[in-house]
C-alpha atoms as a PDB file:
ATOM      1  CA  UNK A   1     -46.026  23.370  18.807  1.00  0.00           C
ATOM      2  CA  UNK A   2     -45.057  22.304  15.295  1.00  0.00           C
ATOM      3  CA  UNK A   3     -42.679  25.233  14.961  1.00  0.00           C
ATOM      4  CA  UNK A   4     -41.103  24.289  18.305  1.00  0.00           C
ATOM      5  CA  UNK A   5     -40.594  20.700  17.153  1.00  0.00           C
ATOM      6  CA  UNK A   6     -38.952  21.952  13.944  1.00  0.00           C
ATOM      7  CA  UNK A   7     -36.646  24.221  15.922  1.00  0.00           C
ATOM      8  CA  UNK A   8     -35.666  21.303  18.178  1.00  0.00           C
ATOM      9  CA  UNK A   9     -34.882  19.141  15.141  1.00  0.00           C
ATOM     10  CA  UNK A  10     -32.703  21.891  13.651  1.00  0.00           C
ATOM     11  CA  UNK A  11     -30.888  22.401  16.945  1.00  0.00           C
ATOM     12  CA  UNK A  12     -30.313  18.657  17.359  1.00  0.00           C
ATOM     13  CA  UNK A  13     -29.102  18.393  13.758  1.00  0.00           C
ATOM     14  CA  UNK A  14     -26.644  21.230  14.288  1.00  0.00           C
ATOM     15  CA  UNK A  15     -25.462  19.604  17.506  1.00  0.00           C
ATOM     16  CA  UNK A  16     -24.977  16.222  15.812  1.00  0.00           C
ATOM     17  CA  UNK A  17     -23.247  17.810  12.810  1.00  0.00           C
ATOM     18  CA  UNK A  18     -21.015  19.869  15.079  1.00  0.00           C
ATOM     19  CA  UNK A  19     -20.097  16.810  17.146  1.00  0.00           C
ATOM     20  CA  UNK A  20     -19.299  14.852  13.985  1.00  0.00           C
ATOM     21  CA  UNK A  21     -17.105  17.643  12.641  1.00  0.00           C
ATOM     22  CA  UNK A  22     -15.356  17.946  16.002  1.00  0.00           C
ATOM     23  CA  UNK A  23     -14.723  14.184  16.056  1.00  0.00           C
ATOM     24  CA  UNK A  24     -13.422  14.334  12.490  1.00  0.00           C
ATOM     25  CA  UNK A  25     -11.222  17.290  13.409  1.00  0.00           C
ATOM     26  CA  UNK A  26      -9.737  15.409  16.360  1.00  0.00           C
ATOM     27  CA  UNK A  27      -9.200  12.379  14.101  1.00  0.00           C
ATOM     28  CA  UNK A  28      -7.364  14.480  11.531  1.00  0.00           C
ATOM     29  CA  UNK A  29      -5.297  16.187  14.211  1.00  0.00           C
ATOM     30  CA  UNK A  30      -4.372  12.796  15.626  1.00  0.00           C
ATOM     31  CA  UNK A  31      -2.788  11.699  12.349  1.00  0.00           C
ATOM     32  CA  UNK A  32       0.964  11.507  12.539  1.00  0.00           C
ATOM     33  CA  UNK A  33       2.994  13.586  10.082  1.00  0.00           C
ATOM     34  CA  UNK A  34       5.909  11.534   8.769  1.00  0.00           C
ATOM     35  CA  UNK A  35       8.753  13.001   6.725  1.00  0.00           C
ATOM     36  CA  UNK A  36      10.757  10.311   4.894  1.00  0.00           C
ATOM     37  CA  UNK A  37      14.122  11.202   3.417  1.00  0.00           C
ATOM     38  CA  UNK A  38      13.838   8.517   0.709  1.00  0.00           C
ATOM     39  CA  UNK A  39      10.873   6.819  -1.001  1.00  0.00           C
ATOM     40  CA  UNK A  40      11.776   3.374   0.337  1.00  0.00           C
ATOM     41  CA  UNK A  41      11.239   4.629   3.892  1.00  0.00           C
ATOM     42  CA  UNK A  42       8.048   6.427   2.903  1.00  0.00           C
ATOM     43  CA  UNK A  43       6.868   3.055   1.578  1.00  0.00           C
ATOM     44  CA  UNK A  44       7.872   1.286   4.797  1.00  0.00           C
ATOM     45  CA  UNK A  45       6.075   3.927   6.860  1.00  0.00           C
ATOM     46  CA  UNK A  46       2.956   3.372   4.765  1.00  0.00           C
ATOM     47  CA  UNK A  47       3.090  -0.338   5.585  1.00  0.00           C
ATOM     48  CA  UNK A  48       3.372   0.311   9.327  1.00  0.00           C
ATOM     49  CA  UNK A  49       1.322   3.487   9.721  1.00  0.00           C
ATOM     50  CA  UNK A  50      -1.174   3.556   6.843  1.00  0.00           C
ATOM     51  CA  UNK A  51      -3.273   6.292   8.483  1.00  0.00           C
ATOM     52  CA  UNK A  52      -0.345   8.712   8.788  1.00  0.00           C
ATOM     53  CA  UNK A  53       0.364  11.628   6.507  1.00  0.00           C
ATOM     54  CA  UNK A  54       3.577  10.579   4.768  1.00  0.00           C
ATOM     55  CA  UNK A  55       5.823  12.780   2.655  1.00  0.00           C
ATOM     56  CA  UNK A  56       8.983  11.730   0.804  1.00  0.00           C
ATOM     57  CA  UNK A  57      11.691  14.367   0.373  1.00  0.00           C
ATOM     58  CA  UNK A  58      13.134  12.613  -2.669  1.00  0.00           C
ATOM     59  CA  UNK A  59      12.033  10.371  -5.508  1.00  0.00           C
ATOM     60  CA  UNK A  60      13.677   7.303  -7.022  1.00  0.00           C
ATOM     61  CA  UNK A  61      14.736   9.476  -9.955  1.00  0.00           C
ATOM     62  CA  UNK A  62      16.963  11.632  -7.742  1.00  0.00           C
ATOM     63  CA  UNK A  63      20.390  11.120  -6.251  1.00  0.00           C
ATOM     64  CA  UNK A  64      19.631  10.896  -2.503  1.00  0.00           C
ATOM     65  CA  UNK A  65      23.072  12.312  -1.740  1.00  0.00           C
ATOM     66  CA  UNK A  66      22.240  15.602  -3.452  1.00  0.00           C
ATOM     67  CA  UNK A  67      19.117  17.399  -2.265  1.00  0.00           C
ATOM     68  CA  UNK A  68      18.456  21.125  -1.916  1.00  0.00           C
ATOM     69  CA  UNK A  69      16.817  22.518   1.211  1.00  0.00           C
ATOM     70  CA  UNK A  70      13.830  23.910  -0.688  1.00  0.00           C
ATOM     71  CA  UNK A  71      11.142  25.934   1.121  1.00  0.00           C
ATOM     72  CA  UNK A  72       8.624  23.132   0.521  1.00  0.00           C
ATOM     73  CA  UNK A  73      10.897  20.611   2.274  1.00  0.00           C
ATOM     74  CA  UNK A  74      11.484  23.005   5.158  1.00  0.00           C
ATOM     75  CA  UNK A  75       7.739  23.460   5.597  1.00  0.00           C
ATOM     76  CA  UNK A  76       7.117  19.705   5.595  1.00  0.00           C
ATOM     77  CA  UNK A  77       9.858  19.087   8.148  1.00  0.00           C
ATOM     78  CA  UNK A  78       8.514  21.867  10.334  1.00  0.00           C
ATOM     79  CA  UNK A  79       5.206  19.970  10.517  1.00  0.00           C
ATOM     80  CA  UNK A  80       6.764  16.526  11.040  1.00  0.00           C
ATOM     81  CA  UNK A  81       6.258  14.387  14.110  1.00  0.00           C
ATOM     82  CA  UNK A  82       8.714  11.798  12.788  1.00  0.00           C
ATOM     83  CA  UNK A  83      11.588  11.969  10.303  1.00  0.00           C
ATOM     84  CA  UNK A  84      12.815   8.670   8.836  1.00  0.00           C
ATOM     85  CA  UNK A  85      16.140   8.566   6.991  1.00  0.00           C
ATOM     86  CA  UNK A  86      18.623   5.939   5.843  1.00  0.00           C
ATOM     87  CA  UNK A  87      21.420   7.419   7.916  1.00  0.00           C
ATOM     88  CA  UNK A  88      25.062   6.294   7.698  1.00  0.00           C
ATOM     89  CA  UNK A  89      25.777   9.825   6.411  1.00  0.00           C
ATOM     90  CA  UNK A  90      23.690   9.424   3.234  1.00  0.00           C
ATOM     91  CA  UNK A  91      21.836  12.672   3.989  1.00  0.00           C
ATOM     92  CA  UNK A  92      24.731  14.485   5.650  1.00  0.00           C
ATOM     93  CA  UNK A  93      24.923  17.056   2.847  1.00  0.00           C
ATOM     94  CA  UNK A  94      21.359  18.314   3.256  1.00  0.00           C
ATOM     95  CA  UNK A  95      19.517  16.983   6.316  1.00  0.00           C
ATOM     96  CA  UNK A  96      21.280  19.197   8.928  1.00  0.00           C
ATOM     97  CA  UNK A  97      20.398  22.298   6.899  1.00  0.00           C
ATOM     98  CA  UNK A  98      16.752  21.246   6.726  1.00  0.00           C
ATOM     99  CA  UNK A  99      16.667  20.582  10.456  1.00  0.00           C
ATOM    100  CA  UNK A 100      18.165  23.962  11.216  1.00  0.00           C
ATOM    101  CA  UNK A 101      15.800  25.904   8.950  1.00  0.00           C
ATOM    102  CA  UNK A 102      12.720  23.956  10.011  1.00  0.00           C
ATOM    103  CA  UNK A 103      13.454  24.690  13.699  1.00  0.00           C
ATOM    104  CA  UNK A 104      11.473  21.622  14.785  1.00  0.00           C
ATOM    105  CA  UNK A 105      13.041  20.368  18.010  1.00  0.00           C
ATOM    106  CA  UNK A 106      10.933  17.182  17.831  1.00  0.00           C
ATOM    107  CA  UNK A 107      12.894  15.817  14.861  1.00  0.00           C
ATOM    108  CA  UNK A 108      16.442  16.846  15.726  1.00  0.00           C
ATOM    109  CA  UNK A 109      17.183  13.963  18.081  1.00  0.00           C
ATOM    110  CA  UNK A 110      16.854  10.189  17.774  1.00  0.00           C
ATOM    111  CA  UNK A 111      15.621  10.254  21.372  1.00  0.00           C
ATOM    112  CA  UNK A 112      12.498  11.933  20.011  1.00  0.00           C
ATOM    113  CA  UNK A 113      11.207  11.979  16.442  1.00  0.00           C
ATOM    114  CA  UNK A 114      14.309  11.274  14.360  1.00  0.00           C
ATOM    115  CA  UNK A 115      14.945   7.739  13.073  1.00  0.00           C
ATOM    116  CA  UNK A 116      18.047   6.538  11.205  1.00  0.00           C
ATOM    117  CA  UNK A 117      17.582   3.070   9.699  1.00  0.00           C
ATOM    118  CA  UNK A 118      21.320   2.344   9.633  1.00  0.00           C
ATOM    119  CA  UNK A 119      21.540   2.646  13.419  1.00  0.00           C
ATOM    120  CA  UNK A 120      19.421  -0.495  13.823  1.00  0.00           C
ATOM    121  CA  UNK A 121      21.368  -2.920  11.596  1.00  0.00           C
ATOM    122  CA  UNK A 122      24.933  -3.833  10.755  1.00  0.00           C
ATOM    123  CA  UNK A 123      26.088  -2.003   7.628  1.00  0.00           C
ATOM    124  CA  UNK A 124      28.480  -3.307   4.998  1.00  0.00           C
ATOM    125  CA  UNK A 125      31.752  -1.660   3.991  1.00  0.00           C
ATOM    126  CA  UNK A 126      32.507   0.399   7.084  1.00  0.00           C
ATOM    127  CA  UNK A 127      35.744   2.370   6.779  1.00  0.00           C
ATOM    128  CA  UNK A 128      37.872   3.248   9.792  1.00  0.00           C
ATOM    129  CA  UNK A 129      39.641   6.251   8.302  1.00  0.00           C
ATOM    130  CA  UNK A 130      38.155   8.417   5.549  1.00  0.00           C
ATOM    131  CA  UNK A 131      39.657  11.419   3.775  1.00  0.00           C
ATOM    132  CA  UNK A 132      38.664  13.510   0.749  1.00  0.00           C
ATOM    133  CA  UNK A 133      41.057  11.705  -1.577  1.00  0.00           C
ATOM    134  CA  UNK A 134      38.836   8.609  -1.327  1.00  0.00           C
ATOM    135  CA  UNK A 135      35.813  10.365  -2.840  1.00  0.00           C
ATOM    136  CA  UNK A 136      32.252  10.031  -1.523  1.00  0.00           C
ATOM    137  CA  UNK A 137      32.891   7.234   0.965  1.00  0.00           C
ATOM    138  CA  UNK A 138      30.645   6.664   3.977  1.00  0.00           C
ATOM    139  CA  UNK A 139      32.677   5.808   7.063  1.00  0.00           C
ATOM    140  CA  UNK A 140      29.609   4.337   8.798  1.00  0.00           C
ATOM    141  CA  UNK A 141      29.064   1.854   5.985  1.00  0.00           C
ATOM    142  CA  UNK A 142      27.040   1.627   2.815  1.00  0.00           C
ATOM    143  CA  UNK A 143      23.715   3.426   3.440  1.00  0.00           C
ATOM    144  CA  UNK A 144      21.711   1.828   0.588  1.00  0.00           C
ATOM    145  CA  UNK A 145      20.595  -0.998   2.834  1.00  0.00           C
ATOM    146  CA  UNK A 146      16.944  -1.185   1.797  1.00  0.00           C
ATOM    147  CA  UNK A 147      17.847  -3.946  -0.666  1.00  0.00           C
ATOM    148  CA  UNK A 148      18.699  -6.306   2.181  1.00  0.00           C
ATOM    149  CA  UNK A 149      15.497  -8.265   2.991  1.00  0.00           C
ATOM    150  CA  UNK A 150      16.506  -9.254   6.510  1.00  0.00           C
ATOM    151  CA  UNK A 151      17.782  -5.808   7.385  1.00  0.00           C
ATOM    152  CA  UNK A 152      14.536  -4.234   6.202  1.00  0.00           C
ATOM    153  CA  UNK A 153      12.609  -6.581   8.478  1.00  0.00           C
ATOM    154  CA  UNK A 154      14.820  -5.547  11.408  1.00  0.00           C
ATOM    155  CA  UNK A 155      14.348  -1.889  10.488  1.00  0.00           C
ATOM    156  CA  UNK A 156      10.568  -2.369  10.348  1.00  0.00           C
ATOM    157  CA  UNK A 157      10.641  -3.764  13.895  1.00  0.00           C
ATOM    158  CA  UNK A 158      12.736  -0.843  15.159  1.00  0.00           C
ATOM    159  CA  UNK A 159      10.567   1.695  13.340  1.00  0.00           C
ATOM    160  CA  UNK A 160       7.437   0.202  14.905  1.00  0.00           C
ATOM    161  CA  UNK A 161       9.005   0.706  18.340  1.00  0.00           C
ATOM    162  CA  UNK A 162       9.633   4.344  17.422  1.00  0.00           C
ATOM    163  CA  UNK A 163       6.011   4.779  16.286  1.00  0.00           C
ATOM    164  CA  UNK A 164       4.783   3.296  19.557  1.00  0.00           C
ATOM    165  CA  UNK A 165       7.089   5.621  21.491  1.00  0.00           C
ATOM    166  CA  UNK A 166       5.633   8.657  19.737  1.00  0.00           C
ATOM    167  CA  UNK A 167       2.014   7.519  19.612  1.00  0.00           C
ATOM    168  CA  UNK A 168       1.425   5.052  22.447  1.00  0.00           C
ATOM    169  CA  UNK A 169      -2.375   5.199  22.080  1.00  0.00           C
ATOM    170  CA  UNK A 170      -2.073   3.458  18.706  1.00  0.00           C
ATOM    171  CA  UNK A 171       0.417   0.842  19.924  1.00  0.00           C
ATOM    172  CA  UNK A 172      -1.848  -2.137  19.183  1.00  0.00           C
ATOM    173  CA  UNK A 173      -2.516  -0.900  15.669  1.00  0.00           C
ATOM    174  CA  UNK A 174       1.192  -0.436  14.931  1.00  0.00           C
ATOM    175  CA  UNK A 175       1.992  -3.904  16.263  1.00  0.00           C
ATOM    176  CA  UNK A 176      -0.747  -5.426  14.109  1.00  0.00           C
ATOM    177  CA  UNK A 177       0.583  -3.656  11.028  1.00  0.00           C
ATOM    178  CA  UNK A 178       4.091  -4.918  11.796  1.00  0.00           C
ATOM    179  CA  UNK A 179       2.810  -8.472  12.188  1.00  0.00           C
ATOM    180  CA  UNK A 180       0.980  -8.281   8.856  1.00  0.00           C
ATOM    181  CA  UNK A 181       3.991  -6.773   7.089  1.00  0.00           C
ATOM    182  CA  UNK A 182       6.389  -9.313   8.613  1.00  0.00           C
ATOM    183  CA  UNK A 183       4.301 -12.294   7.484  1.00  0.00           C
ATOM    184  CA  UNK A 184       3.997 -11.006   3.935  1.00  0.00           C
ATOM    185  CA  UNK A 185       7.665  -9.995   3.826  1.00  0.00           C
ATOM    186  CA  UNK A 186       8.904 -13.387   5.031  1.00  0.00           C
ATOM    187  CA  UNK A 187       6.795 -15.166   2.416  1.00  0.00           C
ATOM    188  CA  UNK A 188       8.271 -12.919  -0.254  1.00  0.00           C
ATOM    189  CA  UNK A 189      11.778 -13.489   1.094  1.00  0.00           C
ATOM    190  CA  UNK A 190      11.478 -17.171   0.158  1.00  0.00           C
ATOM    191  CA  UNK A 191      10.601 -16.169  -3.399  1.00  0.00           C
ATOM    192  CA  UNK A 192      13.430 -13.642  -3.567  1.00  0.00           C
ATOM    193  CA  UNK A 193      15.883 -16.202  -2.214  1.00  0.00           C
ATOM    194  CA  UNK A 194      14.904 -18.579  -5.027  1.00  0.00           C
ATOM    195  CA  UNK A 195      15.611 -15.808  -7.546  1.00  0.00           C
ATOM    196  CA  UNK A 196      18.867 -14.943  -5.801  1.00  0.00           C
ATOM    197  CA  UNK A 197      20.030 -18.560  -6.019  1.00  0.00           C
ATOM    198  CA  UNK A 198      19.727 -18.361  -9.810  1.00  0.00           C
ATOM    199  CA  UNK A 199      21.930 -15.262  -9.900  1.00  0.00           C
ATOM    200  CA  UNK A 200      24.777 -16.558  -7.759  1.00  0.00           C
ATOM    201  CA  UNK A 201      28.090 -16.115  -9.546  1.00  0.00           C
ATOM    202  CA  UNK A 202      26.871 -13.369 -11.865  1.00  0.00           C
ATOM    203  CA  UNK A 203      29.519 -10.687 -12.504  1.00  0.00           C
ATOM    204  CA  UNK A 204      28.663  -7.089 -13.309  1.00  0.00           C
ATOM    205  CA  UNK A 205      30.133  -3.652 -13.703  1.00  0.00           C
ATOM    206  CA  UNK A 206      27.937  -1.186 -11.829  1.00  0.00           C
ATOM    207  CA  UNK A 207      27.620   2.514 -11.137  1.00  0.00           C
ATOM    208  CA  UNK A 208      28.512   3.482  -7.559  1.00  0.00           C
ATOM    209  CA  UNK A 209      27.710   0.990  -4.762  1.00  0.00           C
ATOM    210  CA  UNK A 210      23.970   1.613  -5.043  1.00  0.00           C
ATOM    211  CA  UNK A 211      23.060  -2.085  -5.147  1.00  0.00           C
ATOM    212  CA  UNK A 212      25.685  -3.384  -2.732  1.00  0.00           C
ATOM    213  CA  UNK A 213      23.138  -5.099  -0.477  1.00  0.00           C
ATOM    214  CA  UNK A 214      21.178  -6.582  -3.366  1.00  0.00           C
ATOM    215  CA  UNK A 215      24.367  -8.023  -4.828  1.00  0.00           C
ATOM    216  CA  UNK A 216      25.393  -9.333  -1.421  1.00  0.00           C
ATOM    217  CA  UNK A 217      22.033 -11.072  -0.970  1.00  0.00           C
ATOM    218  CA  UNK A 218      22.100 -12.577  -4.471  1.00  0.00           C
ATOM    219  CA  UNK A 219      25.764 -13.563  -4.594  1.00  0.00           C
ATOM    220  CA  UNK A 220      26.451 -11.170  -7.487  1.00  0.00           C
ATOM    221  CA  UNK A 221      29.992  -9.851  -7.813  1.00  0.00           C
ATOM    222  CA  UNK A 222      30.504  -6.226  -8.766  1.00  0.00           C
ATOM    223  CA  UNK A 223      33.939  -6.559 -10.330  1.00  0.00           C
ATOM    224  CA  UNK A 224      34.334  -2.869 -11.166  1.00  0.00           C
ATOM    225  CA  UNK A 225      32.694   0.518 -10.720  1.00  0.00           C
ATOM    226  CA  UNK A 226      31.858   2.983 -13.482  1.00  0.00           C
ATOM    227  CA  UNK A 227      33.027   5.703 -11.094  1.00  0.00           C
ATOM    228  CA  UNK A 228      36.801   6.133 -10.823  1.00  0.00           C
ATOM    229  CA  UNK A 229      36.115   7.181  -7.226  1.00  0.00           C
ATOM    230  CA  UNK A 230      32.781   7.243  -5.389  1.00  0.00           C
ATOM    231  CA  UNK A 231      30.881  10.365  -6.394  1.00  0.00           C
ATOM    232  CA  UNK A 232      32.998  11.151  -9.473  1.00  0.00           C
ATOM    233  CA  UNK A 233      31.666  10.672 -13.031  1.00  0.00           C
ATOM    234  CA  UNK A 234      33.411   8.204 -15.378  1.00  0.00           C
ATOM    235  CA  UNK A 235      36.482   9.529 -17.172  1.00  0.00           C
ATOM    236  CA  UNK A 236      37.748   8.395 -20.563  1.00  0.00           C
ATOM    237  CA  UNK A 237      40.831   6.847 -18.973  1.00  0.00           C
ATOM    238  CA  UNK A 238      38.775   4.935 -16.415  1.00  0.00           C
ATOM    239  CA  UNK A 239      36.350   3.690 -19.079  1.00  0.00           C
ATOM    240  CA  UNK A 240      39.296   2.426 -21.123  1.00  0.00           C
ATOM    241  CA  UNK A 241      40.421   0.365 -18.119  1.00  0.00           C
ATOM    242  CA  UNK A 242      36.899  -0.999 -17.698  1.00  0.00           C
ATOM    243  CA  UNK A 243      36.774  -1.972 -21.374  1.00  0.00           C
ATOM    244  CA  UNK A 244      39.984  -3.941 -20.950  1.00  0.00           C
ATOM    245  CA  UNK A 245      38.455  -5.714 -17.942  1.00  0.00           C
ATOM    246  CA  UNK A 246      35.210  -6.418 -19.791  1.00  0.00           C
ATOM    247  CA  UNK A 247      37.087  -8.101 -22.638  1.00  0.00           C
ATOM    248  CA  UNK A 248      37.977 -10.959 -20.296  1.00  0.00           C
ATOM    249  CA  UNK A 249      34.514 -12.246 -21.209  1.00  0.00           C
ATOM    250  CA  UNK A 250      33.059 -13.029 -17.793  1.00  0.00           C
ATOM    251  CA  UNK A 251      30.916  -9.919 -17.327  1.00  0.00           C
ATOM    252  CA  UNK A 252      27.171 -10.410 -17.749  1.00  0.00           C
ATOM    253  CA  UNK A 253      25.954  -6.813 -17.763  1.00  0.00           C
ATOM    254  CA  UNK A 254      26.478  -3.205 -16.795  1.00  0.00           C
ATOM    255  CA  UNK A 255      24.099  -2.234 -13.983  1.00  0.00           C
ATOM    256  CA  UNK A 256      22.972   1.310 -13.259  1.00  0.00           C
ATOM    257  CA  UNK A 257      20.131   2.865 -11.284  1.00  0.00           C
ATOM    258  CA  UNK A 258      17.313   4.561 -13.136  1.00  0.00           C
ATOM    259  CA  UNK A 259      18.392   8.045 -11.999  1.00  0.00           C
ATOM    260  CA  UNK A 260      22.075   7.670 -12.881  1.00  0.00           C
ATOM    261  CA  UNK A 261      23.764   9.156 -15.961  1.00  0.00           C
ATOM    262  CA  UNK A 262      23.775   6.552 -18.736  1.00  0.00           C
ATOM    263  CA  UNK A 263      26.476   8.072 -20.975  1.00  0.00           C
ATOM    264  CA  UNK A 264      29.491   6.251 -19.559  1.00  0.00           C
ATOM    265  CA  UNK A 265      27.562   2.982 -19.315  1.00  0.00           C
ATOM    266  CA  UNK A 266      26.361   3.321 -22.917  1.00  0.00           C
ATOM    267  CA  UNK A 267      29.874   3.928 -24.244  1.00  0.00           C
ATOM    268  CA  UNK A 268      31.218   0.885 -22.422  1.00  0.00           C
ATOM    269  CA  UNK A 269      28.240  -1.266 -23.391  1.00  0.00           C
ATOM    270  CA  UNK A 270      28.687  -0.433 -27.077  1.00  0.00           C
ATOM    271  CA  UNK A 271      32.433  -1.089 -27.038  1.00  0.00           C
ATOM    272  CA  UNK A 272      32.244  -4.276 -24.948  1.00  0.00           C
ATOM    273  CA  UNK A 273      29.012  -5.596 -26.487  1.00  0.00           C
ATOM    274  CA  UNK A 274      27.347  -5.805 -23.079  1.00  0.00           C
ATOM    275  CA  UNK A 275      23.733  -5.107 -22.119  1.00  0.00           C
ATOM    276  CA  UNK A 276      22.796  -2.323 -19.721  1.00  0.00           C
ATOM    277  CA  UNK A 277      20.410  -3.311 -16.933  1.00  0.00           C
ATOM    278  CA  UNK A 278      18.612  -0.299 -15.486  1.00  0.00           C
ATOM    279  CA  UNK A 279      17.344  -1.148 -12.010  1.00  0.00           C
ATOM    280  CA  UNK A 280      15.002   0.912  -9.851  1.00  0.00           C
ATOM    281  CA  UNK A 281      16.964   2.108  -6.841  1.00  0.00           C
ATOM    282  CA  UNK A 282      13.797   2.748  -4.899  1.00  0.00           C
ATOM    283  CA  UNK A 283      10.022   2.674  -5.020  1.00  0.00           C
ATOM    284  CA  UNK A 284       8.906   4.539  -8.139  1.00  0.00           C
ATOM    285  CA  UNK A 285      12.138   3.868 -10.019  1.00  0.00           C
ATOM    286  CA  UNK A 286      10.161   2.216 -12.804  1.00  0.00           C
ATOM    287  CA  UNK A 287       6.515   1.525 -13.593  1.00  0.00           C
ATOM    288  CA  UNK A 288       6.577  -1.876 -11.893  1.00  0.00           C
ATOM    289  CA  UNK A 289       7.907  -0.803  -8.492  1.00  0.00           C
ATOM    290  CA  UNK A 290       5.096   0.927  -6.631  1.00  0.00           C
ATOM    291  CA  UNK A 291       5.855  -0.503  -3.170  1.00  0.00           C
ATOM    292  CA  UNK A 292       8.691  -2.339  -1.417  1.00  0.00           C
ATOM    293  CA  UNK A 293       7.500  -5.766  -2.531  1.00  0.00           C
ATOM    294  CA  UNK A 294       7.238  -4.879  -6.208  1.00  0.00           C
ATOM    295  CA  UNK A 295      10.578  -3.032  -6.002  1.00  0.00           C
ATOM    296  CA  UNK A 296      12.311  -6.314  -5.142  1.00  0.00           C
ATOM    297  CA  UNK A 297      10.227  -8.246  -7.671  1.00  0.00           C
ATOM    298  CA  UNK A 298      11.187  -5.841 -10.450  1.00  0.00           C
ATOM    299  CA  UNK A 299      14.904  -5.861  -9.617  1.00  0.00           C
ATOM    300  CA  UNK A 300      15.087  -9.657  -9.515  1.00  0.00           C
ATOM    301  CA  UNK A 301      13.058 -10.018 -12.704  1.00  0.00           C
ATOM    302  CA  UNK A 302      15.347  -7.671 -14.619  1.00  0.00           C
ATOM    303  CA  UNK A 303      18.530  -9.336 -13.367  1.00  0.00           C
ATOM    304  CA  UNK A 304      17.268 -12.896 -13.854  1.00  0.00           C
ATOM    305  CA  UNK A 305      16.142 -12.188 -17.403  1.00  0.00           C
ATOM    306  CA  UNK A 306      19.529 -10.791 -18.372  1.00  0.00           C
ATOM    307  CA  UNK A 307      21.514 -13.556 -16.691  1.00  0.00           C
ATOM    308  CA  UNK A 308      19.383 -16.236 -18.363  1.00  0.00           C
ATOM    309  CA  UNK A 309      19.893 -14.649 -21.791  1.00  0.00           C
ATOM    310  CA  UNK A 310      23.649 -14.439 -21.213  1.00  0.00           C
ATOM    311  CA  UNK A 311      23.814 -18.122 -20.205  1.00  0.00           C
ATOM    312  CA  UNK A 312      21.923 -19.146 -23.338  1.00  0.00           C
ATOM    313  CA  UNK A 313      24.392 -17.191 -25.491  1.00  0.00           C
ATOM    314  CA  UNK A 314      27.271 -19.240 -24.055  1.00  0.00           C
ATOM    315  CA  UNK A 315      25.657 -22.627 -24.734  1.00  0.00           C
END
């Protein structure tokens, strides 16, 4: 009888272990696969769907306009249940190729698993008519809208609706995550507004229109662009014009993103005796910005420090 009892225990153990593994397997299979085009949207997805598998196609040290359709990206998109991108043509040079090669019908339409952030907010700087002579201009507006606090909150709400659409069984969880994120974000918005108020009236020369929404929120004026045309590197003639503008004495700093070429900015900074402020364009752009909240904190800290120093110099 003892041997029979032992056999029963082993059988029951195997049954329990098998059931546990099956449950775990179903749990893993139930996880949503999210492909984010940029790290800021990977970070937002993590806030709203922390149990999902999230992959970012780019890092903050890359130009999001220029991405190659590598086999690793194709494989990740092929597995994706949801693709989240900025939109407004930011990814137009590489996303269609990825979609074609991945052959994943789920993420080729915004009716299903494709989400463009720009489609859920009003964008700045829309252009009615665009041609090649204008350079890298986005007719649907500036796509770098993750530095607009209110827009990001609106995008979070729209993205939650998309998550619920794709995974209705987890609807309550997604809504709870949105509520938590919204409360924390709104509290931080008050802090960021206080920092923005201190920066109002600041004038900068910046590279591209990468921080257009940040400057709009803070009342910072970008008086000139290091690019002669969007997407083109600085030329000696253009830098000479910028130096002449800088000598008017009202420019606080030259602002560039951490991934952008510093050579033109350094030449101008040396000639005009201006500081260069290197801001993180996205999460991971510097050591301090490891999520959306710290990304904003870092950007405002860097700008406020420089503006305060410049004011003290003029006293």
